[in-house]
C-alpha atoms as a PDB file:
ATOM      1  CA  MET A   1     -14.592  14.415  -5.227  1.00  0.00           C
ATOM      2  CA  VAL A   2     -12.223  12.527  -3.259  1.00  0.00           C
ATOM      3  CA  SER A   3     -13.864   9.345  -0.893  1.00  0.00           C
ATOM      4  CA  TYR A   4     -12.179   7.332   2.039  1.00  0.00           C
ATOM      5  CA  GLN A   5     -12.482   3.629   2.086  1.00  0.00           C
ATOM      6  CA  LEU A   6     -12.104   2.204   5.649  1.00  0.00           C
ATOM      7  CA  ASN A   7      -9.514  -0.540   6.283  1.00  0.00           C
ATOM      8  CA  PRO A   8      -9.949  -1.782   2.641  1.00  0.00           C
ATOM      9  CA  LYS A   9      -9.547  -5.478   1.991  1.00  0.00           C
ATOM     10  CA  PHE A  10      -7.394  -4.346  -1.094  1.00  0.00           C
ATOM     11  CA  VAL A  11      -5.485  -1.326  -2.036  1.00  0.00           C
ATOM     12  CA  GLU A  12      -4.975  -0.286  -5.549  1.00  0.00           C
ATOM     13  CA  TRP A  13      -1.731   1.257  -5.722  1.00  0.00           C
ATOM     14  CA  ASP A  14      -1.831   3.218  -8.797  1.00  0.00           C
ATOM     15  CA  SER A  15      -5.592   4.938  -8.603  1.00  0.00           C
ATOM     16  CA  GLU A  16      -6.133   8.175  -6.825  1.00  0.00           C
ATOM     17  CA  GLU A  17      -8.331   6.603  -4.270  1.00  0.00           C
ATOM     18  CA  SER A  18      -7.352   7.239  -0.776  1.00  0.00           C
ATOM     19  CA  TYR A  19      -7.582   4.861   2.270  1.00  0.00           C
ATOM     20  CA  ILE A  20      -7.788   5.409   5.965  1.00  0.00           C
ATOM     21  CA  PHE A  21      -6.627   2.078   7.952  1.00  0.00           C
ATOM     22  CA  ILE A  22      -7.122   2.136  12.024  1.00  0.00           C
ATOM     23  CA  ASN A  23      -6.647  -0.189  14.163  1.00  0.00           C
ATOM     24  CA  PRO A  24     -10.067  -2.181  15.046  1.00  0.00           C
ATOM     25  CA  LYS A  25      -9.148  -2.686  18.727  1.00  0.00           C
ATOM     26  CA  LEU A  26      -8.963   0.816  19.420  1.00  0.00           C
ATOM     27  CA  SER A  27     -10.066   2.128  22.751  1.00  0.00           C
ATOM     28  CA  LYS A  28     -13.811   3.483  22.769  1.00  0.00           C
ATOM     29  CA  GLU A  29     -12.006   6.941  23.712  1.00  0.00           C
ATOM     30  CA  GLU A  30      -9.640   6.939  20.916  1.00  0.00           C
ATOM     31  CA  GLN A  31     -12.422   6.143  18.630  1.00  0.00           C
ATOM     32  CA  LYS A  32     -14.488   8.934  20.036  1.00  0.00           C
ATOM     33  CA  LEU A  33     -11.620  11.350  18.916  1.00  0.00           C
ATOM     34  CA  ILE A  34     -11.577  10.513  15.534  1.00  0.00           C
ATOM     35  CA  LYS A  35     -13.096  13.299  13.173  1.00  0.00           C
ATOM     36  CA  PHE A  36     -13.375  12.331   9.699  1.00  0.00           C
ATOM     37  CA  ASN A  37     -14.365  15.148   8.319  1.00  0.00           C
ATOM     38  CA  ALA A  38     -11.326  16.948   9.504  1.00  0.00           C
ATOM     39  CA  ILE A  39      -9.028  14.455   7.642  1.00  0.00           C
ATOM     40  CA  PRO A  40      -8.388  16.579   4.366  1.00  0.00           C
ATOM     41  CA  LYS A  41      -9.932  15.357   0.453  1.00  0.00           C
ATOM     42  CA  THR A  42      -6.602  14.536  -1.215  1.00  0.00           C
ATOM     43  CA  PRO A  43      -5.904  11.962  -3.654  1.00  0.00           C
ATOM     44  CA  GLY A  44      -3.336   9.279  -3.618  1.00  0.00           C
ATOM     45  CA  ILE A  45      -3.200   9.475   0.375  1.00  0.00           C
ATOM     46  CA  ILE A  46      -3.085   6.500   2.988  1.00  0.00           C
ATOM     47  CA  TRP A  47      -4.028   7.756   6.522  1.00  0.00           C
ATOM     48  CA  MET A  48      -2.728   5.125   8.806  1.00  0.00           C
ATOM     49  CA  GLY A  49      -2.758   5.481  12.921  1.00  0.00           C
ATOM     50  CA  SER A  50       0.810   5.946  14.057  1.00  0.00           C
ATOM     51  CA  SER A  51       2.005   2.970  16.129  1.00  0.00           C
ATOM     52  CA  GLY A  52       3.539   5.614  18.312  1.00  0.00           C
ATOM     53  CA  THR A  53       0.217   7.134  19.102  1.00  0.00           C
ATOM     54  CA  THR A  54      -0.459   5.771  22.683  1.00  0.00           C
ATOM     55  CA  ALA A  55      -2.264   8.675  24.983  1.00  0.00           C
ATOM     56  CA  LYS A  56      -5.785   8.232  25.077  1.00  0.00           C
ATOM     57  CA  SER A  57      -6.415  11.511  25.201  1.00  0.00           C
ATOM     58  CA  SER A  58      -5.308  12.297  21.805  1.00  0.00           C
ATOM     59  CA  PHE A  59      -4.615  10.526  18.122  1.00  0.00           C
ATOM     60  CA  LYS A  60      -2.911  11.333  15.067  1.00  0.00           C
ATOM     61  CA  LEU A  61      -3.079   9.697  11.577  1.00  0.00           C
ATOM     62  CA  LEU A  62      -0.079   9.929   9.162  1.00  0.00           C
ATOM     63  CA  ALA A  63      -0.583  10.781   5.696  1.00  0.00           C
ATOM     64  CA  LEU A  64       1.474   8.839   3.737  1.00  0.00           C
ATOM     65  CA  PRO A  65       1.154   9.208  -0.122  1.00  0.00           C
ATOM     66  CA  LYS A  66       0.865   5.952  -2.246  1.00  0.00           C
ATOM     67  CA  LYS A  67       3.633   7.138  -4.030  1.00  0.00           C
ATOM     68  CA  ALA A  68       5.954   6.934  -1.212  1.00  0.00           C
ATOM     69  CA  PHE A  69       4.778   3.451   0.139  1.00  0.00           C
ATOM     70  CA  LEU A  70       5.759   2.700  -3.414  1.00  0.00           C
ATOM     71  CA  ALA A  71       9.527   4.146  -3.239  1.00  0.00           C
ATOM     72  CA  SER A  72       9.809   2.596   0.582  1.00  0.00           C
ATOM     73  CA  ALA A  73       8.974  -0.629  -1.553  1.00  0.00           C
ATOM     74  CA  GLY A  74      11.080  -0.219  -4.410  1.00  0.00           C
ATOM     75  CA  ALA A  75      14.166   0.428  -2.067  1.00  0.00           C
ATOM     76  CA  VAL A  76      13.460  -2.562  -0.179  1.00  0.00           C
ATOM     77  CA  CYS A  77      12.676  -4.769  -3.050  1.00  0.00           C
ATOM     78  CA  ASP A  78      16.083  -4.001  -4.429  1.00  0.00           C
ATOM     79  CA  HIS A  79      18.024  -4.279  -1.750  1.00  0.00           C
ATOM     80  CA  LEU A  80      16.347  -7.951  -0.718  1.00  0.00           C
ATOM     81  CA  GLN A  81      16.823  -9.282  -4.063  1.00  0.00           C
ATOM     82  CA  VAL A  82      12.730  -9.477  -4.453  1.00  0.00           C
ATOM     83  CA  THR A  83      11.477 -10.989  -8.027  1.00  0.00           C
ATOM     84  CA  ALA A  84       7.720 -12.182  -8.945  1.00  0.00           C
ATOM     85  CA  SER A  85       9.212 -16.066  -7.756  1.00  0.00           C
ATOM     86  CA  ASP A  86       9.347 -14.661  -4.405  1.00  0.00           C
ATOM     87  CA  ILE A  87       6.688 -15.861  -1.870  1.00  0.00           C
ATOM     88  CA  TRP A  88       5.912 -13.539   1.152  1.00  0.00           C
ATOM     89  CA  LEU A  89       4.059 -14.651   4.492  1.00  0.00           C
ATOM     90  CA  ASN A  90       2.220 -11.773   6.045  1.00  0.00           C
ATOM     91  CA  VAL A  91       1.474 -12.042   9.619  1.00  0.00           C
ATOM     92  CA  LEU A  92       1.722  -8.011  10.680  1.00  0.00           C
ATOM     93  CA  PRO A  93      -1.324  -6.296  10.627  1.00  0.00           C
ATOM     94  CA  ARG A  94      -2.188  -4.464   7.478  1.00  0.00           C
ATOM     95  CA  PHE A  95      -3.702  -1.242  10.255  1.00  0.00           C
ATOM     96  CA  HIS A  96       0.758  -0.491  10.709  1.00  0.00           C
ATOM     97  CA  VAL A  97       2.925   0.245   8.065  1.00  0.00           C
ATOM     98  CA  GLY A  98       4.730  -3.229   8.482  1.00  0.00           C
ATOM     99  CA  GLY A  99       1.877  -4.740   7.068  1.00  0.00           C
ATOM    100  CA  LEU A 100       0.794  -2.679   4.302  1.00  0.00           C
ATOM    101  CA  SER A 101       4.515  -2.345   3.096  1.00  0.00           C
ATOM    102  CA  ILE A 102       4.833  -5.510   2.359  1.00  0.00           C
ATOM    103  CA  GLU A 103       1.235  -4.963  -0.217  1.00  0.00           C
ATOM    104  CA  ALA A 104       2.895  -2.619  -1.841  1.00  0.00           C
ATOM    105  CA  ARG A 105       6.385  -4.496  -1.826  1.00  0.00           C
ATOM    106  CA  ALA A 106       4.163  -7.175  -3.873  1.00  0.00           C
ATOM    107  CA  HIS A 107       2.567  -4.565  -6.372  1.00  0.00           C
ATOM    108  CA  VAL A 108       6.276  -3.312  -7.203  1.00  0.00           C
ATOM    109  CA  SER A 109       8.245  -6.649  -7.422  1.00  0.00           C
ATOM    110  CA  GLY A 110       5.028  -9.151  -8.472  1.00  0.00           C
ATOM    111  CA  CYS A 111       5.643 -11.225  -6.218  1.00  0.00           C
ATOM    112  CA  LYS A 112       2.632 -13.354  -4.143  1.00  0.00           C
ATOM    113  CA  VAL A 113       1.674 -12.513  -0.829  1.00  0.00           C
ATOM    114  CA  ASN A 114      -0.257 -14.797   1.871  1.00  0.00           C
ATOM    115  CA  LEU A 115      -1.975 -13.387   4.360  1.00  0.00           C
ATOM    116  CA  LYS A 116      -2.004 -14.206   7.616  1.00  0.00           C
ATOM    117  CA  GLN A 117      -3.726 -12.840  10.654  1.00  0.00           C
ATOM    118  CA  PHE A 118      -2.970 -14.800  13.903  1.00  0.00           C
ATOM    119  CA  PRO A 119      -5.507 -13.671  16.753  1.00  0.00           C
ATOM    120  CA  LYS A 120      -2.569 -14.816  18.870  1.00  0.00           C
ATOM    121  CA  PHE A 121       0.729 -15.841  17.700  1.00  0.00           C
ATOM    122  CA  ASP A 122       0.810 -19.683  16.491  1.00  0.00           C
ATOM    123  CA  VAL A 123       4.424 -20.644  15.794  1.00  0.00           C
ATOM    124  CA  ASN A 124       4.069 -24.126  14.848  1.00  0.00           C
ATOM    125  CA  GLU A 125       1.454 -23.147  12.462  1.00  0.00           C
ATOM    126  CA  PHE A 126       3.498 -19.793  11.199  1.00  0.00           C
ATOM    127  CA  ASN A 127       6.385 -22.636  10.427  1.00  0.00           C
ATOM    128  CA  HIS A 128       4.013 -24.634   8.354  1.00  0.00           C
ATOM    129  CA  LEU A 129       2.598 -22.462   6.402  1.00  0.00           C
ATOM    130  CA  ILE A 130       6.215 -21.769   5.181  1.00  0.00           C
ATOM    131  CA  THR A 131       6.527 -25.222   4.033  1.00  0.00           C
ATOM    132  CA  GLU A 132       3.111 -24.973   2.306  1.00  0.00           C
ATOM    133  CA  LYS A 133       2.737 -22.229   0.674  1.00  0.00           C
ATOM    134  CA  GLN A 134       6.559 -22.570  -0.231  1.00  0.00           C
ATOM    135  CA  VAL A 135       7.179 -19.246   1.163  1.00  0.00           C
ATOM    136  CA  THR A 136      10.527 -17.772   0.085  1.00  0.00           C
ATOM    137  CA  ILE A 137      10.035 -14.389   2.535  1.00  0.00           C
ATOM    138  CA  THR A 138       8.929 -13.536   5.952  1.00  0.00           C
ATOM    139  CA  SER A 139       8.227 -10.245   8.318  1.00  0.00           C
ATOM    140  CA  LEU A 140       8.932 -10.627  12.095  1.00  0.00           C
ATOM    141  CA  VAL A 141       8.612  -8.980  15.339  1.00  0.00           C
ATOM    142  CA  PRO A 142      10.954  -9.582  17.965  1.00  0.00           C
ATOM    143  CA  THR A 143       8.323 -11.084  20.096  1.00  0.00           C
ATOM    144  CA  HIS A 144       7.444 -13.355  17.406  1.00  0.00           C
ATOM    145  CA  VAL A 145      11.647 -14.351  16.953  1.00  0.00           C
ATOM    146  CA  PHE A 146      11.404 -14.855  21.160  1.00  0.00           C
ATOM    147  CA  GLU A 147       8.282 -17.605  20.605  1.00  0.00           C
ATOM    148  CA  ILE A 148      10.154 -19.307  17.559  1.00  0.00           C
ATOM    149  CA  ILE A 149      13.119 -19.559  20.034  1.00  0.00           C
ATOM    150  CA  LYS A 150      11.529 -20.767  23.154  1.00  0.00           C
ATOM    151  CA  ASN A 151       9.688 -23.003  21.094  1.00  0.00           C
ATOM    152  CA  ASN A 152      13.487 -24.465  19.145  1.00  0.00           C
ATOM    153  CA  ILE A 153      11.701 -24.145  15.588  1.00  0.00           C
ATOM    154  CA  LYS A 154      14.034 -24.287  13.173  1.00  0.00           C
ATOM    155  CA  PRO A 155      13.120 -22.871   9.475  1.00  0.00           C
ATOM    156  CA  PRO A 156      12.306 -24.709   6.259  1.00  0.00           C
ATOM    157  CA  LYS A 157      15.048 -24.704   4.174  1.00  0.00           C
ATOM    158  CA  ASN A 158      12.596 -22.582   1.397  1.00  0.00           C
ATOM    159  CA  LEU A 159      12.990 -19.612   3.683  1.00  0.00           C
ATOM    160  CA  ARG A 160      15.701 -17.285   2.418  1.00  0.00           C
ATOM    161  CA  VAL A 161      15.051 -14.393   4.274  1.00  0.00           C
ATOM    162  CA  ALA A 162      13.128 -13.730   7.996  1.00  0.00           C
ATOM    163  CA  LEU A 163      12.940  -9.611   7.854  1.00  0.00           C
ATOM    164  CA  VAL A 164      12.829  -8.525  11.805  1.00  0.00           C
ATOM    165  CA  GLY A 165      11.661  -5.008  12.084  1.00  0.00           C
ATOM    166  CA  GLY A 166       8.968  -3.126  15.003  1.00  0.00           C
ATOM    167  CA  GLY A 167      11.302  -3.033  17.556  1.00  0.00           C
ATOM    168  CA  TYR A 168      14.629  -3.639  18.621  1.00  0.00           C
ATOM    169  CA  LEU A 169      16.011  -7.278  18.888  1.00  0.00           C
ATOM    170  CA  SER A 170      18.187  -7.910  21.385  1.00  0.00           C
ATOM    171  CA  ASP A 171      22.213  -9.810  20.915  1.00  0.00           C
ATOM    172  CA  GLU A 172      21.038 -12.981  22.527  1.00  0.00           C
ATOM    173  CA  LEU A 173      17.850 -13.539  20.844  1.00  0.00           C
ATOM    174  CA  TYR A 174      19.248 -12.501  17.274  1.00  0.00           C
ATOM    175  CA  VAL A 175      22.295 -15.139  18.273  1.00  0.00           C
ATOM    176  CA  GLN A 176      19.889 -17.848  19.336  1.00  0.00           C
ATOM    177  CA  ALA A 177      17.663 -17.423  15.860  1.00  0.00           C
ATOM    178  CA  VAL A 178      20.755 -17.248  13.755  1.00  0.00           C
ATOM    179  CA  ASN A 179      22.178 -20.714  16.127  1.00  0.00           C
ATOM    180  CA  LEU A 180      18.719 -22.447  15.093  1.00  0.00           C
ATOM    181  CA  GLY A 181      19.452 -21.625  11.144  1.00  0.00           C
ATOM    182  CA  TRP A 182      16.410 -18.529  10.825  1.00  0.00           C
ATOM    183  CA  PRO A 183      17.758 -16.284   8.117  1.00  0.00           C
ATOM    184  CA  ILE A 184      17.818 -12.855  10.014  1.00  0.00           C
ATOM    185  CA  VAL A 185      18.001  -9.998   8.366  1.00  0.00           C
ATOM    186  CA  LEU A 186      17.620  -6.640  10.851  1.00  0.00           C
ATOM    187  CA  THR A 187      15.922  -3.668   9.089  1.00  0.00           C
ATOM    188  CA  TYR A 188      14.732  -0.498  10.945  1.00  0.00           C
ATOM    189  CA  GLY A 189      12.241   1.821  10.133  1.00  0.00           C
ATOM    190  CA  MET A 190       9.173   4.262  11.252  1.00  0.00           C
ATOM    191  CA  SER A 191       5.662   4.748  10.304  1.00  0.00           C
ATOM    192  CA  GLU A 192       6.771   7.888   9.085  1.00  0.00           C
ATOM    193  CA  ALA A 193       8.596   6.617   6.636  1.00  0.00           C
ATOM    194  CA  CYS A 194       6.262   4.200   5.149  1.00  0.00           C
ATOM    195  CA  SER A 195       8.417   1.392   6.892  1.00  0.00           C
ATOM    196  CA  SER A 196      11.919   0.484   6.313  1.00  0.00           C
ATOM    197  CA  VAL A 197      14.626   3.493   6.441  1.00  0.00           C
ATOM    198  CA  ALA A 198      18.036   0.887   7.189  1.00  0.00           C
ATOM    199  CA  THR A 199      18.569  -3.185   6.521  1.00  0.00           C
ATOM    200  CA  SER A 200      21.364  -5.002   6.617  1.00  0.00           C
ATOM    201  CA  SER A 201      22.804  -6.829   3.774  1.00  0.00           C
ATOM    202  CA  LEU A 202      21.638 -10.376   2.265  1.00  0.00           C
ATOM    203  CA  SER A 203      25.508 -10.996   2.961  1.00  0.00           C
ATOM    204  CA  SER A 204      25.009 -10.882   6.644  1.00  0.00           C
ATOM    205  CA  ILE A 205      22.552 -13.585   6.584  1.00  0.00           C
ATOM    206  CA  GLY A 206      23.954 -16.747   8.934  1.00  0.00           C
ATOM    207  CA  VAL A 207      26.929 -14.104  10.424  1.00  0.00           C
ATOM    208  CA  MET A 208      26.601 -14.366  14.256  1.00  0.00           C
ATOM    209  CA  ALA A 209      28.336 -10.995  14.794  1.00  0.00           C
ATOM    210  CA  ARG A 210      25.048  -8.284  14.941  1.00  0.00           C
ATOM    211  CA  PRO A 211      25.398  -6.945  11.219  1.00  0.00           C
ATOM    212  CA  GLU A 212      25.032  -3.180  10.545  1.00  0.00           C
ATOM    213  CA  LEU A 213      22.310  -1.631   8.883  1.00  0.00           C
ATOM    214  CA  ASN A 214      22.528   0.275   6.163  1.00  0.00           C
ATOM    215  CA  LEU A 215      20.554   3.522   5.049  1.00  0.00           C
ATOM    216  CA  LEU A 216      18.408   2.738   2.056  1.00  0.00           C
ATOM    217  CA  PRO A 217      18.823   4.838  -1.477  1.00  0.00           C
ATOM    218  CA  HIS A 218      16.325   6.357  -1.274  1.00  0.00           C
ATOM    219  CA  LEU A 219      16.721   8.629   2.119  1.00  0.00           C
ATOM    220  CA  GLU A 220      19.356  10.642   3.004  1.00  0.00           C
ATOM    221  CA  ALA A 221      19.886  11.533   6.898  1.00  0.00           C
ATOM    222  CA  LYS A 222      21.506  13.718   9.411  1.00  0.00           C
ATOM    223  CA  LEU A 223      21.542  14.179  12.870  1.00  0.00           C
ATOM    224  CA  ASP A 224      20.569  17.407  15.025  1.00  0.00           C
ATOM    225  CA  GLU A 225      21.778  18.609  17.429  1.00  0.00           C
ATOM    226  CA  GLN A 226      20.142  16.230  19.940  1.00  0.00           C
ATOM    227  CA  ALA A 227      21.582  13.765  17.947  1.00  0.00           C
ATOM    228  CA  CYS A 228      17.840  12.677  16.680  1.00  0.00           C
ATOM    229  CA  LEU A 229      17.517  11.741  13.333  1.00  0.00           C
ATOM    230  CA  LEU A 230      16.671  13.518  10.163  1.00  0.00           C
ATOM    231  CA  LEU A 231      15.698  12.188   7.170  1.00  0.00           C
ATOM    232  CA  LYS A 232      14.864  13.510   3.427  1.00  0.00           C
ATOM    233  CA  GLY A 233      13.750  11.830   0.572  1.00  0.00           C
ATOM    234  CA  SER A 234      10.728   9.906  -1.165  1.00  0.00           C
ATOM    235  CA  SER A 235       9.356   7.712   1.199  1.00  0.00           C
ATOM    236  CA  LEU A 236       8.129  10.270   4.022  1.00  0.00           C
ATOM    237  CA  THR A 237       4.761  11.440   5.387  1.00  0.00           C
ATOM    238  CA  VAL A 238       3.465  14.693   4.366  1.00  0.00           C
ATOM    239  CA  GLY A 239       1.903  15.172   6.968  1.00  0.00           C
ATOM    240  CA  GLU A 240      -0.818  14.271  10.005  1.00  0.00           C
ATOM    241  CA  VAL A 241      -4.077  14.810  11.463  1.00  0.00           C
ATOM    242  CA  GLN A 242      -3.812  15.292  14.952  1.00  0.00           C
ATOM    243  CA  PHE A 243      -7.211  15.123  17.042  1.00  0.00           C
ATOM    244  CA  THR A 244      -7.835  15.887  20.923  1.00  0.00           C
ATOM    245  CA  LYS A 245     -10.712  16.208  22.467  1.00  0.00           C
ATOM    246  CA  GLN A 246     -10.599  20.055  22.284  1.00  0.00           C
ATOM    247  CA  GLU A 247      -9.745  20.209  18.461  1.00  0.00           C
ATOM    248  CA  SER A 248      -8.973  18.317  15.152  1.00  0.00           C
ATOM    249  CA  LYS A 249      -6.760  20.131  12.432  1.00  0.00           C
ATOM    250  CA  PHE A 250      -3.879  19.116   9.939  1.00  0.00           C
ATOM    251  CA  VAL A 251      -0.717  19.546  10.587  1.00  0.00           C
ATOM    252  CA  PRO A 252       1.865  19.599   7.167  1.00  0.00           C
ATOM    253  CA  VAL A 253       4.994  18.527   7.103  1.00  0.00           C
ATOM    254  CA  SER A 254       7.095  22.035   6.991  1.00  0.00           C
ATOM    255  CA  SER A 255      10.733  20.919   5.785  1.00  0.00           C
ATOM    256  CA  GLU A 256      12.033  18.902   3.475  1.00  0.00           C
ATOM    257  CA  TRP A 257      13.957  17.301   6.314  1.00  0.00           C
ATOM    258  CA  LEU A 258      11.376  14.997   8.479  1.00  0.00           C
ATOM    259  CA  LYS A 259      12.679  15.250  12.238  1.00  0.00           C
ATOM    260  CA  THR A 260      12.422  12.201  14.308  1.00  0.00           C
ATOM    261  CA  LYS A 261      12.383  11.077  17.791  1.00  0.00           C
ATOM    262  CA  ASP A 262      15.023   8.726  17.663  1.00  0.00           C
ATOM    263  CA  LEU A 263      18.396   8.923  18.850  1.00  0.00           C
ATOM    264  CA  VAL A 264      20.990   7.181  16.560  1.00  0.00           C
ATOM    265  CA  LYS A 265      24.437   7.290  15.599  1.00  0.00           C
ATOM    266  CA  LEU A 266      25.310   7.884  12.197  1.00  0.00           C
ATOM    267  CA  ASN A 267      28.553   6.676  10.185  1.00  0.00           C
ATOM    268  CA  ASP A 268      28.946   6.428   6.393  1.00  0.00           C
ATOM    269  CA  ASN A 269      25.090   6.125   5.648  1.00  0.00           C
ATOM    270  CA  LYS A 270      25.301   2.792   8.870  1.00  0.00           C
ATOM    271  CA  ILE A 271      22.722   4.074  11.174  1.00  0.00           C
ATOM    272  CA  GLU A 272      22.443   2.335  14.823  1.00  0.00           C
ATOM    273  CA  PHE A 273      19.485   2.609  16.350  1.00  0.00           C
ATOM    274  CA  ILE A 274      20.223   3.957  20.452  1.00  0.00           C
ATOM    275  CA  SER A 275      16.648   4.881  21.734  1.00  0.00           C
ATOM    276  CA  ARG A 276      13.412   7.057  21.402  1.00  0.00           C
ATOM    277  CA  LEU A 277      13.994  10.449  23.004  1.00  0.00           C
ATOM    278  CA  HIS A 278      11.029  10.091  25.242  1.00  0.00           C
ATOM    279  CA  GLU A 279      12.918   6.708  26.906  1.00  0.00           C
ATOM    280  CA  GLN A 280      15.821   8.681  28.116  1.00  0.00           C
ATOM    281  CA  VAL A 281      14.826   9.661  32.093  1.00  0.00           C
ATOM    282  CA  LYS A 282      16.547  11.036  34.681  1.00  0.00           C
ATOM    283  CA  VAL A 283      17.204   9.141  37.626  1.00  0.00           C
ATOM    284  CA  SER A 284      19.023  10.362  40.616  1.00  0.00           C
ATOM    285  CA  GLY A 285      20.153  13.705  38.254  1.00  0.00           C
ATOM    286  CA  GLU A 286      21.508  10.559  35.628  1.00  0.00           C
ATOM    287  CA  LEU A 287      20.534  10.121  32.136  1.00  0.00           C
ATOM    288  CA  VAL A 288      19.209   6.398  32.157  1.00  0.00           C
ATOM    289  CA  ASN A 289      18.364   4.852  28.386  1.00  0.00           C
ATOM    290  CA  VAL A 290      15.147   2.829  29.361  1.00  0.00           C
ATOM    291  CA  ALA A 291      16.131   0.779  25.714  1.00  0.00           C
ATOM    292  CA  GLN A 292      19.316  -0.414  27.513  1.00  0.00           C
ATOM    293  CA  LEU A 293      17.159  -1.442  30.349  1.00  0.00           C
ATOM    294  CA  ASN A 294      15.211  -3.734  28.698  1.00  0.00           C
ATOM    295  CA  ASN A 295      17.660  -4.746  26.684  1.00  0.00           C
ATOM    296  CA  SER A 296      19.497  -6.043  29.798  1.00  0.00           C
ATOM    297  CA  PHE A 297      16.080  -7.762  31.126  1.00  0.00           C
ATOM    298  CA  GLU A 298      16.032  -9.900  27.777  1.00  0.00           C
ATOM    299  CA  LYS A 299      19.667 -11.017  28.223  1.00  0.00           C
ATOM    300  CA  ILE A 300      18.609 -12.051  31.469  1.00  0.00           C
ATOM    301  CA  LYS A 301      15.168 -13.312  30.389  1.00  0.00           C
ATOM    302  CA  SER A 302      16.713 -14.399  27.806  1.00  0.00           C
ATOM    303  CA  GLY A 303      19.790 -16.864  29.557  1.00  0.00           C
ATOM    304  CA  SER A 304      16.893 -18.611  30.895  1.00  0.00           C
ATOM    305  CA  GLN A 305      15.724 -19.868  28.024  1.00  0.00           C
ATOM    306  CA  GLN A 306      18.939 -21.558  27.260  1.00  0.00           C
ATOM    307  CA  ASN A 307      17.544 -25.449  27.778  1.00  0.00           C
ATOM    308  CA  PHE A 308      15.150 -24.234  24.759  1.00  0.00           C
ATOM    309  CA  VAL A 309      18.083 -23.965  21.963  1.00  0.00           C
END
């Protein structure tokens, strides 16, 4: 009989134990939607709320096999040359793949992880921890990078990689972070793929030109007729439980190619993210890319922060 632990402190990666990770700050409306008896009793699965879930009238839990997490972790560790001598500082929430995937990488590589969950990101304490714990790798999102630049924070010399994902980092923020000496490695990923899909190379660290992102070798990619990304490989979800007010049901993945809603450019295993499909909106009959608009706003905002760098 398969049982589930909810938001466990530790994951036994080599066991058939299954887990459910849910944001403890879910709205009451979302909490009421979740019917745990609708979740299939499948061994070795991590059920995780999708970061793409936004509607309060529905909720979904992705079925992510532990072996999928470990496949992704192995590919990332190889790409970043992670070894048992590395120390990773994790400031990302464990109920998202970005945070939990770091624990899978530690399991694969033998590296140590220091977990620090900030109620509100404290950039000075963050930087102090890198020095105090002799951290060599950390994972960030663009808002963290913005705070680093705003406060003119330079990294300790022991940090060799600052992996940035979880959203698009503007060219302006990227250049300013590099100017401050941060060893930025860009990554693009998604919950459905247990985190990273494509990542820039270690050789791009310190280079001012925005680096290309290389598709990690455990995945294959192609585009559909809408230029949305399709993925095949060992780190993908096998389905999801969809919860609505009317019903709760498990929907398995029906094809070896996982269809995403990400519009990308794909060239010789180089991936350039454009936008989410839903971010393409019509204004006066013309398609407008919301992500590009946000990038333009970021340029304006970044320009107003020039005095910090």
